[in-house]
Amino acid sequence: MLSNIRIVLINTFHPGNVGAIARAMKNMGLTNLYLVDPNDYPSEEATSRAAGAVDLLENATIVPTLEDAIADCSLVIGTSARHRTFQLPIMNARECAESVIPEAVDHNVAIVFGRETTGLLNEEIAQCHRQVYIDANDEYPVLNISQAVQIVAYEIWMANQNKGFQQKETSEYPRKKDMDLFYEHLEETLYGINFVIRSHPGKVLDKLHRFFNRSRPEKQELGILRGVLAAVQREAGLTEANNHPEKKVKDALKENAKKE
């Protein structure tokens, strides 16, 4: 199940940190590394710092955006020590590991780390379901990114030794890309019935996005919500045109099914 857990690094500036993180991951049995728009990679410094974990660097997945890194994940956890506008359920590193292990039995899980100096942006945290922090000395709580990955990876390794977590039943959750289709469907429906005005949308859509990320509807529940939106569109007369958002969403779902 550890292979279903990916460490996602966004725009990492120092290549040495990428190498150190690969080493920290391999120490704890994690092998799935995603690099989002790395600043300097591949790099001899990264290879040198990786020591015996060069294979993780060679097999790392490099993508241009966070969306690409987490599209097929059912649980996305962002790392941050700061209070955010998009407040999510917050866990410490041990609680994070205890929630990740049972979920990773059948689903892909991503733990996302931000830039060395600025961490994750608010719009990146907004794409996560949960937020994790690492307890540290209040007088100096600053951790190097490779140290942070090491601590989280250690807690995951320890939780994985507990067979009780592995045997815990988990619900079936939609993947991130399925949630994105739902958000598109929701947005176009609310625009279509003039609940939200396109020229002045305000914060309604952001708040709804945060609500559903926080509550994490199960796969069947998401299907019900999509059915409700489709019914609203039909009753409002919004489904007549072939290029209407509801049809586009259905076409996208069919396309995804073919690819899988």
C-alpha atoms as a PDB file:
ATOM      1  CA  MET A   1       0.000   0.000   0.000  1.00  0.00           C
ATOM      2  CA  LEU A   2       2.957   2.342   0.466  1.00  0.00           C
ATOM      3  CA  SER A   3       3.274   2.484  -3.324  1.00  0.00           C
ATOM      4  CA  ASN A   4      -0.130   4.222  -3.390  1.00  0.00           C
ATOM      5  CA  ILE A   5       1.240   7.085  -1.299  1.00  0.00           C
ATOM      6  CA  ARG A   6       2.971   9.811  -3.276  1.00  0.00           C
ATOM      7  CA  ILE A   7       5.079  12.694  -2.057  1.00  0.00           C
ATOM      8  CA  VAL A   8       4.431  15.764  -4.183  1.00  0.00           C
ATOM      9  CA  LEU A   9       6.979  18.602  -4.228  1.00  0.00           C
ATOM     10  CA  ILE A  10       5.964  21.918  -5.767  1.00  0.00           C
ATOM     11  CA  ASN A  11       8.530  24.116  -7.494  1.00  0.00           C
ATOM     12  CA  THR A  12      11.397  22.932  -5.293  1.00  0.00           C
ATOM     13  CA  PHE A  13      14.206  25.464  -5.631  1.00  0.00           C
ATOM     14  CA  HIS A  14      17.294  23.626  -4.346  1.00  0.00           C
ATOM     15  CA  PRO A  15      18.043  20.373  -6.214  1.00  0.00           C
ATOM     16  CA  GLY A  16      19.904  19.078  -3.169  1.00  0.00           C
ATOM     17  CA  ASN A  17      16.599  19.043  -1.302  1.00  0.00           C
ATOM     18  CA  VAL A  18      15.076  16.801  -3.957  1.00  0.00           C
ATOM     19  CA  GLY A  19      17.908  14.317  -3.483  1.00  0.00           C
ATOM     20  CA  ALA A  20      17.662  14.452   0.308  1.00  0.00           C
ATOM     21  CA  ILE A  21      13.907  13.906   0.112  1.00  0.00           C
ATOM     22  CA  ALA A  22      14.370  10.860  -2.122  1.00  0.00           C
ATOM     23  CA  ARG A  23      16.711   9.419   0.488  1.00  0.00           C
ATOM     24  CA  ALA A  24      14.286  10.210   3.328  1.00  0.00           C
ATOM     25  CA  MET A  25      11.463   8.525   1.439  1.00  0.00           C
ATOM     26  CA  LYS A  26      13.394   5.364   0.689  1.00  0.00           C
ATOM     27  CA  ASN A  27      14.424   5.105   4.349  1.00  0.00           C
ATOM     28  CA  MET A  28      10.720   4.731   5.159  1.00  0.00           C
ATOM     29  CA  GLY A  29       9.565   2.570   2.269  1.00  0.00           C
ATOM     30  CA  LEU A  30       8.054   5.319   0.108  1.00  0.00           C
ATOM     31  CA  THR A  31       8.959   5.251  -3.571  1.00  0.00           C
ATOM     32  CA  ASN A  32       6.416   7.428  -5.364  1.00  0.00           C
ATOM     33  CA  LEU A  33       7.871  10.913  -5.935  1.00  0.00           C
ATOM     34  CA  TYR A  34       6.124  13.625  -7.960  1.00  0.00           C
ATOM     35  CA  LEU A  35       7.899  16.858  -8.900  1.00  0.00           C
ATOM     36  CA  VAL A  36       5.730  19.796  -9.927  1.00  0.00           C
ATOM     37  CA  ASP A  37       7.661  22.304 -12.053  1.00  0.00           C
ATOM     38  CA  PRO A  38      11.019  21.805 -10.263  1.00  0.00           C
ATOM     39  CA  ASN A  39      13.407  24.736 -10.507  1.00  0.00           C
ATOM     40  CA  ASP A  40      16.549  22.718 -11.349  1.00  0.00           C
ATOM     41  CA  TYR A  41      16.081  19.089 -12.295  1.00  0.00           C
ATOM     42  CA  PRO A  42      17.609  16.707 -13.200  1.00  0.00           C
ATOM     43  CA  SER A  43      20.691  17.749 -11.300  1.00  0.00           C
ATOM     44  CA  GLU A  44      24.025  16.251 -10.279  1.00  0.00           C
ATOM     45  CA  GLU A  45      23.530  17.730  -6.809  1.00  0.00           C
ATOM     46  CA  ALA A  46      20.195  15.945  -6.436  1.00  0.00           C
ATOM     47  CA  THR A  47      21.797  12.666  -7.505  1.00  0.00           C
ATOM     48  CA  SER A  48      24.677  13.157  -5.059  1.00  0.00           C
ATOM     49  CA  ARG A  49      22.392  13.928  -2.113  1.00  0.00           C
ATOM     50  CA  ALA A  50      20.130  10.973  -2.913  1.00  0.00           C
ATOM     51  CA  ALA A  51      22.955   8.500  -2.166  1.00  0.00           C
ATOM     52  CA  GLY A  52      21.353   5.028  -2.435  1.00  0.00           C
ATOM     53  CA  ALA A  53      17.959   6.390  -3.499  1.00  0.00           C
ATOM     54  CA  VAL A  54      18.889   7.444  -7.026  1.00  0.00           C
ATOM     55  CA  ASP A  55      16.287   4.998  -8.346  1.00  0.00           C
ATOM     56  CA  LEU A  56      13.553   7.216  -6.850  1.00  0.00           C
ATOM     57  CA  LEU A  57      14.911  10.169  -8.809  1.00  0.00           C
ATOM     58  CA  GLU A  58      15.119   8.137 -12.005  1.00  0.00           C
ATOM     59  CA  ASN A  59      11.493   7.039 -11.610  1.00  0.00           C
ATOM     60  CA  ALA A  60      10.132  10.380 -10.374  1.00  0.00           C
ATOM     61  CA  THR A  61       7.107  11.759 -12.222  1.00  0.00           C
ATOM     62  CA  ILE A  62       7.598  15.339 -13.417  1.00  0.00           C
ATOM     63  CA  VAL A  63       4.450  17.356 -14.142  1.00  0.00           C
ATOM     64  CA  PRO A  64       3.771  21.042 -14.857  1.00  0.00           C
ATOM     65  CA  THR A  65       0.926  21.615 -12.366  1.00  0.00           C
ATOM     66  CA  LEU A  66      -0.394  20.401  -9.037  1.00  0.00           C
ATOM     67  CA  GLU A  67      -3.628  19.395 -10.780  1.00  0.00           C
ATOM     68  CA  ASP A  68      -1.657  16.923 -12.898  1.00  0.00           C
ATOM     69  CA  ALA A  69       0.029  15.470  -9.822  1.00  0.00           C
ATOM     70  CA  ILE A  70      -3.156  14.759  -7.858  1.00  0.00           C
ATOM     71  CA  ALA A  71      -5.821  14.118 -10.515  1.00  0.00           C
ATOM     72  CA  ASP A  72      -6.137  10.402  -9.720  1.00  0.00           C
ATOM     73  CA  CYS A  73      -5.917  10.769  -5.927  1.00  0.00           C
ATOM     74  CA  SER A  74      -8.881  10.316  -3.592  1.00  0.00           C
ATOM     75  CA  LEU A  75      -7.161  11.999  -0.629  1.00  0.00           C
ATOM     76  CA  VAL A  76      -4.866  15.031  -0.883  1.00  0.00           C
ATOM     77  CA  ILE A  77      -3.129  16.395   2.206  1.00  0.00           C
ATOM     78  CA  GLY A  78      -1.306  19.719   2.152  1.00  0.00           C
ATOM     79  CA  THR A  79       1.512  20.521   4.564  1.00  0.00           C
ATOM     80  CA  SER A  80       1.450  23.910   6.249  1.00  0.00           C
ATOM     81  CA  ALA A  81       2.058  25.387   9.676  1.00  0.00           C
ATOM     82  CA  ARG A  82       0.067  28.539   8.937  1.00  0.00           C
ATOM     83  CA  HIS A  83      -3.598  29.336   9.419  1.00  0.00           C
ATOM     84  CA  ARG A  84      -5.196  29.584   6.002  1.00  0.00           C
ATOM     85  CA  THR A  85      -8.125  31.386   4.440  1.00  0.00           C
ATOM     86  CA  PHE A  86      -9.246  27.982   3.184  1.00  0.00           C
ATOM     87  CA  GLN A  87      -9.420  26.380   6.606  1.00  0.00           C
ATOM     88  CA  LEU A  88      -9.327  22.593   6.368  1.00  0.00           C
ATOM     89  CA  PRO A  89      -9.415  19.882   9.026  1.00  0.00           C
ATOM     90  CA  ILE A  90      -5.934  19.970  10.555  1.00  0.00           C
ATOM     91  CA  MET A  91      -3.876  16.972  11.670  1.00  0.00           C
ATOM     92  CA  ASN A  92      -0.441  16.523  13.141  1.00  0.00           C
ATOM     93  CA  ALA A  93       2.023  14.192  11.414  1.00  0.00           C
ATOM     94  CA  ARG A  94       0.982  11.126  13.416  1.00  0.00           C
ATOM     95  CA  GLU A  95      -2.719  11.683  12.813  1.00  0.00           C
ATOM     96  CA  CYS A  96      -1.949  12.201   9.144  1.00  0.00           C
ATOM     97  CA  ALA A  97      -0.199   8.842   8.915  1.00  0.00           C
ATOM     98  CA  GLU A  98      -3.004   7.067  10.749  1.00  0.00           C
ATOM     99  CA  SER A  99      -5.535   8.410   8.235  1.00  0.00           C
ATOM    100  CA  VAL A 100      -3.358   7.761   5.187  1.00  0.00           C
ATOM    101  CA  ILE A 101      -2.523   4.080   5.744  1.00  0.00           C
ATOM    102  CA  PRO A 102      -6.048   2.590   5.585  1.00  0.00           C
ATOM    103  CA  GLU A 103      -6.978   4.861   2.673  1.00  0.00           C
ATOM    104  CA  ALA A 104      -3.895   3.828   0.690  1.00  0.00           C
ATOM    105  CA  VAL A 105      -4.961   0.188   0.660  1.00  0.00           C
ATOM    106  CA  ASP A 106      -7.220   0.831  -2.344  1.00  0.00           C
ATOM    107  CA  HIS A 107      -6.710   4.492  -3.313  1.00  0.00           C
ATOM    108  CA  ASN A 108      -3.974   6.879  -4.366  1.00  0.00           C
ATOM    109  CA  VAL A 109      -3.042   9.404  -1.689  1.00  0.00           C
ATOM    110  CA  ALA A 110      -0.923  12.537  -2.120  1.00  0.00           C
ATOM    111  CA  ILE A 111       0.959  14.485   0.538  1.00  0.00           C
ATOM    112  CA  VAL A 112       1.897  17.861  -0.900  1.00  0.00           C
ATOM    113  CA  PHE A 113       4.872  19.981   0.144  1.00  0.00           C
ATOM    114  CA  GLY A 114       5.347  23.573  -1.000  1.00  0.00           C
ATOM    115  CA  ARG A 115       8.331  25.731  -1.802  1.00  0.00           C
ATOM    116  CA  GLU A 116      11.244  26.018   0.601  1.00  0.00           C
ATOM    117  CA  THR A 117      10.622  29.685   1.414  1.00  0.00           C
ATOM    118  CA  THR A 118       6.909  30.274   0.916  1.00  0.00           C
ATOM    119  CA  GLY A 119       5.308  26.834   1.275  1.00  0.00           C
ATOM    120  CA  LEU A 120       1.968  26.177  -0.403  1.00  0.00           C
ATOM    121  CA  LEU A 121      -0.076  28.973  -1.903  1.00  0.00           C
ATOM    122  CA  ASN A 122      -3.677  29.419  -0.755  1.00  0.00           C
ATOM    123  CA  GLU A 123      -4.968  28.226  -4.122  1.00  0.00           C
ATOM    124  CA  GLU A 124      -2.897  25.054  -3.731  1.00  0.00           C
ATOM    125  CA  ILE A 125      -4.148  24.404  -0.205  1.00  0.00           C
ATOM    126  CA  ALA A 126      -7.659  24.902  -1.589  1.00  0.00           C
ATOM    127  CA  GLN A 127      -7.164  21.768  -3.705  1.00  0.00           C
ATOM    128  CA  CYS A 128      -6.479  19.633  -0.638  1.00  0.00           C
ATOM    129  CA  HIS A 129      -8.870  17.750   1.649  1.00  0.00           C
ATOM    130  CA  ARG A 130      -6.795  18.022   4.817  1.00  0.00           C
ATOM    131  CA  GLN A 131      -3.888  20.023   6.230  1.00  0.00           C
ATOM    132  CA  VAL A 132      -0.988  18.530   8.198  1.00  0.00           C
ATOM    133  CA  TYR A 133       1.476  20.306  10.462  1.00  0.00           C
ATOM    134  CA  ILE A 134       4.534  19.153  12.389  1.00  0.00           C
ATOM    135  CA  ASP A 135       4.837  19.935  16.088  1.00  0.00           C
ATOM    136  CA  ALA A 136       7.994  21.917  16.805  1.00  0.00           C
ATOM    137  CA  ASN A 137       9.530  24.386  19.238  1.00  0.00           C
ATOM    138  CA  ASP A 138       7.451  27.589  19.197  1.00  0.00           C
ATOM    139  CA  GLU A 139      10.629  29.655  19.424  1.00  0.00           C
ATOM    140  CA  TYR A 140      12.003  28.110  16.219  1.00  0.00           C
ATOM    141  CA  PRO A 141       9.487  25.922  14.377  1.00  0.00           C
ATOM    142  CA  VAL A 142      11.198  26.172  10.971  1.00  0.00           C
ATOM    143  CA  LEU A 143      12.041  22.824   9.351  1.00  0.00           C
ATOM    144  CA  ASN A 144      14.015  22.166   6.198  1.00  0.00           C
ATOM    145  CA  ILE A 145      11.701  20.579   3.624  1.00  0.00           C
ATOM    146  CA  SER A 146      13.645  17.309   3.625  1.00  0.00           C
ATOM    147  CA  GLN A 147      13.332  17.179   7.426  1.00  0.00           C
ATOM    148  CA  ALA A 148       9.591  17.692   7.137  1.00  0.00           C
ATOM    149  CA  VAL A 149       9.279  14.879   4.588  1.00  0.00           C
ATOM    150  CA  GLN A 150      11.406  12.625   6.794  1.00  0.00           C
ATOM    151  CA  ILE A 151       9.138  13.152   9.809  1.00  0.00           C
ATOM    152  CA  VAL A 152       5.922  12.568   7.867  1.00  0.00           C
ATOM    153  CA  ALA A 153       7.441   9.519   6.125  1.00  0.00           C
ATOM    154  CA  TYR A 154       8.575   8.094   9.475  1.00  0.00           C
ATOM    155  CA  GLU A 155       5.064   8.394  10.923  1.00  0.00           C
ATOM    156  CA  ILE A 156       3.669   6.670   7.825  1.00  0.00           C
ATOM    157  CA  TRP A 157       6.190   3.851   8.212  1.00  0.00           C
ATOM    158  CA  MET A 158       5.283   3.386  11.859  1.00  0.00           C
ATOM    159  CA  ALA A 159       1.547   3.450  11.159  1.00  0.00           C
ATOM    160  CA  ASN A 160       2.069   0.878   8.440  1.00  0.00           C
ATOM    161  CA  GLN A 161       3.461  -1.523  11.040  1.00  0.00           C
ATOM    162  CA  ASN A 162       0.128  -1.415  12.851  1.00  0.00           C
ATOM    163  CA  LYS A 163      -2.007  -4.068  11.165  1.00  0.00           C
ATOM    164  CA  GLY A 164      -5.117  -2.618  12.779  1.00  0.00           C
ATOM    165  CA  PHE A 165      -4.894   0.459  10.539  1.00  0.00           C
ATOM    166  CA  GLN A 166      -4.371  -1.696   7.448  1.00  0.00           C
ATOM    167  CA  GLN A 167      -7.455  -3.769   8.152  1.00  0.00           C
ATOM    168  CA  LYS A 168      -9.706  -0.785   8.797  1.00  0.00           C
ATOM    169  CA  GLU A 169     -12.461  -0.522   6.205  1.00  0.00           C
ATOM    170  CA  THR A 170     -12.617   2.715   4.241  1.00  0.00           C
ATOM    171  CA  SER A 171     -15.309   4.199   2.037  1.00  0.00           C
ATOM    172  CA  GLU A 172     -14.993   4.567  -1.726  1.00  0.00           C
ATOM    173  CA  TYR A 173     -14.097   8.164  -2.515  1.00  0.00           C
ATOM    174  CA  PRO A 174     -13.986   9.938  -5.885  1.00  0.00           C
ATOM    175  CA  ARG A 175     -10.690  10.943  -7.421  1.00  0.00           C
ATOM    176  CA  LYS A 176      -9.614  14.562  -7.627  1.00  0.00           C
ATOM    177  CA  LYS A 177     -10.423  14.791 -11.347  1.00  0.00           C
ATOM    178  CA  ASP A 178     -13.969  13.521 -10.657  1.00  0.00           C
ATOM    179  CA  MET A 179     -14.397  16.208  -8.014  1.00  0.00           C
ATOM    180  CA  ASP A 180     -13.179  18.804 -10.532  1.00  0.00           C
ATOM    181  CA  LEU A 181     -15.906  17.694 -12.958  1.00  0.00           C
ATOM    182  CA  PHE A 182     -18.438  18.034 -10.145  1.00  0.00           C
ATOM    183  CA  TYR A 183     -17.219  21.570  -9.380  1.00  0.00           C
ATOM    184  CA  GLU A 184     -17.563  22.497 -13.054  1.00  0.00           C
ATOM    185  CA  HIS A 185     -21.091  21.058 -13.083  1.00  0.00           C
ATOM    186  CA  LEU A 186     -21.982  22.902  -9.865  1.00  0.00           C
ATOM    187  CA  GLU A 187     -20.557  26.196 -11.094  1.00  0.00           C
ATOM    188  CA  GLU A 188     -22.366  26.129 -14.421  1.00  0.00           C
ATOM    189  CA  THR A 189     -25.647  25.127 -12.748  1.00  0.00           C
ATOM    190  CA  LEU A 190     -25.457  27.988 -10.257  1.00  0.00           C
ATOM    191  CA  TYR A 191     -24.639  30.405 -13.060  1.00  0.00           C
ATOM    192  CA  GLY A 192     -27.446  28.970 -15.167  1.00  0.00           C
ATOM    193  CA  ILE A 193     -30.140  29.538 -12.519  1.00  0.00           C
ATOM    194  CA  ASN A 194     -28.642  32.948 -11.600  1.00  0.00           C
ATOM    195  CA  PHE A 195     -27.863  31.867  -8.060  1.00  0.00           C
ATOM    196  CA  VAL A 196     -24.366  33.170  -8.791  1.00  0.00           C
ATOM    197  CA  ILE A 197     -23.876  36.099 -11.182  1.00  0.00           C
ATOM    198  CA  ARG A 198     -21.001  35.544 -13.628  1.00  0.00           C
ATOM    199  CA  SER A 199     -19.870  39.163 -13.552  1.00  0.00           C
ATOM    200  CA  HIS A 200     -19.942  39.293  -9.733  1.00  0.00           C
ATOM    201  CA  PRO A 201     -19.454  35.745  -8.393  1.00  0.00           C
ATOM    202  CA  GLY A 202     -18.220  36.832  -4.972  1.00  0.00           C
ATOM    203  CA  LYS A 203     -16.929  34.095  -2.661  1.00  0.00           C
ATOM    204  CA  VAL A 204     -19.821  31.642  -2.952  1.00  0.00           C
ATOM    205  CA  LEU A 205     -18.069  29.188  -5.249  1.00  0.00           C
ATOM    206  CA  ASP A 206     -14.869  29.293  -3.190  1.00  0.00           C
ATOM    207  CA  LYS A 207     -16.818  28.571  -0.018  1.00  0.00           C
ATOM    208  CA  LEU A 208     -18.718  25.698  -1.642  1.00  0.00           C
ATOM    209  CA  HIS A 209     -15.446  24.292  -2.950  1.00  0.00           C
ATOM    210  CA  ARG A 210     -13.990  24.429   0.545  1.00  0.00           C
ATOM    211  CA  PHE A 211     -17.113  22.851   2.031  1.00  0.00           C
ATOM    212  CA  PHE A 212     -17.073  19.831  -0.278  1.00  0.00           C
ATOM    213  CA  ASN A 213     -13.300  19.348   0.074  1.00  0.00           C
ATOM    214  CA  ARG A 214     -13.680  19.434   3.844  1.00  0.00           C
ATOM    215  CA  SER A 215     -16.675  17.078   3.951  1.00  0.00           C
ATOM    216  CA  ARG A 216     -15.288  14.652   1.299  1.00  0.00           C
ATOM    217  CA  PRO A 217     -18.456  13.141  -0.208  1.00  0.00           C
ATOM    218  CA  GLU A 218     -18.167   9.439  -0.963  1.00  0.00           C
ATOM    219  CA  LYS A 219     -18.319   8.224  -4.556  1.00  0.00           C
ATOM    220  CA  GLN A 220     -22.004   7.276  -4.358  1.00  0.00           C
ATOM    221  CA  GLU A 221     -22.859  10.537  -2.602  1.00  0.00           C
ATOM    222  CA  LEU A 222     -21.119  12.479  -5.368  1.00  0.00           C
ATOM    223  CA  GLY A 223     -23.240  10.598  -7.900  1.00  0.00           C
ATOM    224  CA  ILE A 224     -26.361  11.711  -6.033  1.00  0.00           C
ATOM    225  CA  LEU A 225     -25.183  15.316  -6.018  1.00  0.00           C
ATOM    226  CA  ARG A 226     -24.496  15.149  -9.748  1.00  0.00           C
ATOM    227  CA  GLY A 227     -28.010  13.760 -10.254  1.00  0.00           C
ATOM    228  CA  VAL A 228     -29.476  16.660  -8.273  1.00  0.00           C
ATOM    229  CA  LEU A 229     -27.601  19.163 -10.436  1.00  0.00           C
ATOM    230  CA  ALA A 230     -28.761  17.430 -13.616  1.00  0.00           C
ATOM    231  CA  ALA A 231     -32.380  17.567 -12.397  1.00  0.00           C
ATOM    232  CA  VAL A 232     -32.057  21.259 -11.570  1.00  0.00           C
ATOM    233  CA  GLN A 233     -30.693  21.935 -15.040  1.00  0.00           C
ATOM    234  CA  ARG A 234     -33.533  20.007 -16.695  1.00  0.00           C
ATOM    235  CA  GLU A 235     -36.223  21.799 -14.688  1.00  0.00           C
ATOM    236  CA  ALA A 236     -34.593  25.150 -15.454  1.00  0.00           C
ATOM    237  CA  GLY A 237     -34.468  24.351 -19.182  1.00  0.00           C
ATOM    238  CA  LEU A 238     -30.681  24.442 -19.281  1.00  0.00           C
ATOM    239  CA  THR A 239     -30.012  21.109 -21.025  1.00  0.00           C
ATOM    240  CA  GLU A 240     -31.365  21.673 -24.514  1.00  0.00           C
ATOM    241  CA  ALA A 241     -28.192  22.718 -26.324  1.00  0.00           C
ATOM    242  CA  ASN A 242     -25.640  20.026 -27.151  1.00  0.00           C
ATOM    243  CA  ASN A 243     -22.835  22.279 -26.004  1.00  0.00           C
ATOM    244  CA  HIS A 244     -24.404  22.873 -22.600  1.00  0.00           C
ATOM    245  CA  PRO A 245     -22.101  22.269 -19.585  1.00  0.00           C
ATOM    246  CA  GLU A 246     -24.081  19.225 -18.434  1.00  0.00           C
ATOM    247  CA  LYS A 247     -23.478  17.479 -21.748  1.00  0.00           C
ATOM    248  CA  LYS A 248     -19.829  18.515 -21.737  1.00  0.00           C
ATOM    249  CA  VAL A 249     -19.423  17.032 -18.270  1.00  0.00           C
ATOM    250  CA  LYS A 250     -21.080  13.768 -19.360  1.00  0.00           C
ATOM    251  CA  ASP A 251     -18.854  13.615 -22.435  1.00  0.00           C
ATOM    252  CA  ALA A 252     -15.796  14.151 -20.233  1.00  0.00           C
ATOM    253  CA  LEU A 253     -16.879  11.321 -17.931  1.00  0.00           C
ATOM    254  CA  LYS A 254     -17.318   8.989 -20.919  1.00  0.00           C
ATOM    255  CA  GLU A 255     -13.871   9.945 -22.186  1.00  0.00           C
ATOM    256  CA  ASN A 256     -12.322   9.217 -18.799  1.00  0.00           C
ATOM    257  CA  ALA A 257     -14.052   5.824 -18.718  1.00  0.00           C
ATOM    258  CA  LYS A 258     -12.572   4.936 -22.122  1.00  0.00           C
ATOM    259  CA  LYS A 259      -9.062   5.839 -20.967  1.00  0.00           C
ATOM    260  CA  GLU A 260      -9.400   3.667 -17.895  1.00  0.00           C
END
